Protein backbone atom coordinates (compact mmCIF):
# COMPACT_ATOMS: atom_id res chain seq x y z
CA UNK A 1 1.81 -16.90 -5.30
CA UNK A 2 0.19 -13.53 -5.92
CA UNK A 3 0.19 -10.83 -8.53
CA UNK A 4 2.88 -8.21 -8.98
CA UNK A 5 2.66 -4.61 -10.11
CA UNK A 6 5.32 -2.50 -11.81
CA UNK A 7 5.51 1.26 -12.21
CA UNK A 8 6.33 2.59 -15.65
CA UNK A 9 8.72 5.44 -16.41
CA UNK A 10 9.68 8.47 -14.37
CA UNK A 11 12.23 8.86 -11.61
CA UNK A 12 10.15 7.27 -8.84
CA UNK A 13 10.07 3.60 -9.86
CA UNK A 14 8.64 0.78 -7.77
CA UNK A 15 7.51 -2.82 -7.94
CA UNK A 16 5.36 -4.65 -5.45
CA UNK A 17 3.05 -7.53 -4.84
CA UNK A 18 -0.68 -7.28 -4.18
CA UNK A 19 -1.59 -8.68 -0.76
CA UNK A 20 -2.46 -12.32 -1.52
CA UNK A 21 -6.16 -13.03 -0.96
CA UNK A 22 -6.51 -9.47 0.38
CA UNK A 23 -6.06 -7.02 -2.45
CA UNK A 24 -7.69 -7.10 -5.86
CA UNK A 25 -5.80 -6.15 -9.00
CA UNK A 26 -8.06 -3.11 -9.23
CA UNK A 27 -6.71 -1.65 -5.95
CA UNK A 28 -4.92 1.19 -7.85
CA UNK A 29 -8.37 2.58 -8.80
CA UNK A 30 -8.83 3.64 -5.15
CA UNK A 31 -5.98 6.10 -5.65
CA UNK A 32 -7.32 7.81 -8.77
CA UNK A 33 -5.82 5.49 -11.37
CA UNK A 34 -7.80 4.29 -14.37
CA UNK A 35 -7.44 0.80 -15.78
CA UNK A 36 -6.08 0.52 -19.29
CA UNK A 37 -6.14 -2.63 -21.45
CA UNK A 38 -4.02 -5.47 -20.03
CA UNK A 39 -4.49 -4.05 -16.52
CA UNK A 40 -2.49 -0.90 -17.06
CA UNK A 41 -3.17 2.03 -14.77
CA UNK A 42 -2.44 5.74 -15.06
CA UNK A 43 -2.98 8.81 -12.91
CA UNK A 44 -1.72 12.33 -12.51
CA UNK A 45 -4.22 13.11 -9.73
CA UNK A 46 -2.17 13.73 -6.59
CA UNK A 47 -5.25 14.72 -4.57
CA UNK A 48 -7.10 11.45 -5.27
CA UNK A 49 -4.17 9.43 -3.99
CA UNK A 50 -3.69 11.65 -0.93
CA UNK A 51 -7.40 11.52 -0.10
CA UNK A 52 -7.41 7.71 -0.10
CA UNK A 53 -4.20 7.54 1.93
CA UNK A 54 -5.81 9.78 4.57
CA UNK A 55 -8.86 7.50 4.65
CA UNK A 56 -6.54 4.55 5.29
CA UNK A 57 -4.72 6.44 8.05
CA UNK A 58 -8.12 7.17 9.64
CA UNK A 59 -9.30 3.56 9.30
CA UNK A 60 -6.09 2.30 10.90
CA UNK A 61 -6.28 5.02 13.56
CA UNK A 62 -2.71 6.12 12.84
CA UNK A 63 -1.85 9.05 15.16
CA UNK A 64 -1.24 12.39 13.43
CA UNK A 65 2.40 12.47 14.51
CA UNK A 66 3.05 9.16 12.70
CA UNK A 67 1.31 10.10 9.44
CA UNK A 68 3.79 10.71 6.64
CA UNK A 69 3.26 10.85 2.90
CA UNK A 70 6.37 12.31 1.25
CA UNK A 71 9.30 9.94 0.70
CA UNK A 72 12.52 10.14 -1.31
CA UNK A 73 12.54 6.51 -2.46
CA UNK A 74 10.61 3.26 -2.42
CA UNK A 75 12.85 1.69 0.22
CA UNK A 76 11.87 4.38 2.72
CA UNK A 77 8.17 3.79 1.95
CA UNK A 78 8.58 0.07 2.68
CA UNK A 79 10.37 0.81 5.96
CA UNK A 80 7.63 3.27 6.97
CA UNK A 81 4.78 0.85 6.24
CA UNK A 82 6.70 -1.91 8.03
CA UNK A 83 6.86 0.37 11.08
CA UNK A 84 3.10 1.02 10.87
CA UNK A 85 2.53 -2.74 10.52
CA UNK A 86 4.43 -3.35 13.73
CA UNK A 87 1.68 -1.46 15.56
CA UNK A 88 -0.76 -4.22 14.60
CA UNK A 89 1.44 -7.25 15.13
CA UNK A 90 -0.24 -9.88 17.33
CA UNK A 91 -2.07 -7.24 19.40
CA UNK A 92 -4.46 -4.39 18.78
CA UNK A 93 -6.53 -1.99 20.88
CA UNK A 94 -9.13 -4.67 21.58
CA UNK A 95 -6.55 -7.06 23.03
CA UNK A 96 -4.54 -10.04 21.78
CA UNK A 97 -5.29 -11.08 18.22
CA UNK A 98 -6.68 -14.60 18.11
CA UNK A 99 -5.16 -17.06 15.65
CA UNK A 100 -8.35 -17.25 13.57
CA UNK A 101 -8.41 -13.43 13.25
CA UNK A 102 -4.89 -13.24 11.85
CA UNK A 103 -3.57 -13.23 8.36
CA UNK A 104 -0.06 -13.03 7.02
CA UNK A 105 1.16 -10.10 4.98
CA UNK A 106 3.84 -11.62 2.79
CA UNK A 107 5.11 -8.61 0.87
CA UNK A 108 8.38 -9.14 -0.96
CA UNK A 109 9.55 -5.67 0.02
CA UNK A 110 9.54 -6.31 3.75
CA UNK A 111 12.30 -8.00 5.68
CA UNK A 112 9.92 -10.39 7.37
CA UNK A 113 6.44 -11.82 7.21
CA UNK A 114 3.87 -10.05 9.34
CA UNK A 115 1.03 -11.67 11.21
CA UNK A 116 -1.66 -9.03 11.64
CA UNK A 117 -5.38 -8.93 12.24
CA UNK A 118 -7.11 -9.71 8.95
CA UNK A 119 -9.23 -6.56 9.12
CA UNK A 120 -6.03 -4.45 9.03
CA UNK A 121 -4.14 -6.43 6.39
CA UNK A 122 -5.88 -5.07 3.28
CA UNK A 123 -5.59 -1.50 4.54
CA UNK A 124 -1.87 -1.97 5.19
CA UNK A 125 -1.32 -3.38 1.69
CA UNK A 126 -3.33 -0.48 0.24
CA UNK A 127 -1.26 2.01 2.26
CA UNK A 128 1.93 0.66 0.69
CA UNK A 129 0.46 0.87 -2.82
CA UNK A 130 -1.07 4.29 -2.22
CA UNK A 131 2.15 5.82 -0.90
CA UNK A 132 4.00 4.48 -3.92
CA UNK A 133 1.45 5.95 -6.32
CA UNK A 134 1.29 9.27 -4.47
CA UNK A 135 5.07 9.70 -4.44
CA UNK A 136 5.42 8.78 -8.10
CA UNK A 137 2.87 11.48 -9.00
CA UNK A 138 4.51 13.94 -6.58
CA UNK A 139 7.99 13.38 -8.06
CA UNK A 140 7.17 12.73 -11.74
CA UNK A 141 3.79 14.43 -12.20
CA UNK A 142 2.16 11.13 -13.12
CA UNK A 143 2.18 7.43 -12.37
CA UNK A 144 1.52 4.49 -14.63
CA UNK A 145 1.81 0.87 -13.72
CA UNK A 146 1.01 -2.55 -15.03
CA UNK A 147 -0.51 -5.25 -12.88
CA UNK A 148 -0.49 -8.97 -13.54
CA UNK A 149 -3.92 -10.48 -14.02
């Protein structure tokens, strides 16, 4: 279950799945993309994507030495976000995460399902999407994608 998104054209191609019950189909708008008919998005605004990524890093309290934005391929983005997700697995700075505060991030690109605090789950899904958009614009000068309704 869930909706998928697909990048269009360029060298930096990616597909992904919106975080089920966490991420709206309009999540790409946070990164400077504009919706086109049939939920098509386009941007060439590198700064808008980078600005939102930095807001997510701040919200997740990711230390400066762990913040990275430039990647060579989508696989390395997935591995990076998976590593960031591990910081939130079952425990956060306030202590153990209670069962009723957890949600599962079931992203097809990760090797396993993650159980993280619900408040972090949407930000982590947005980080994955934002890094994909940012790197597509960085490599190709633009990013367009289609999202399932």
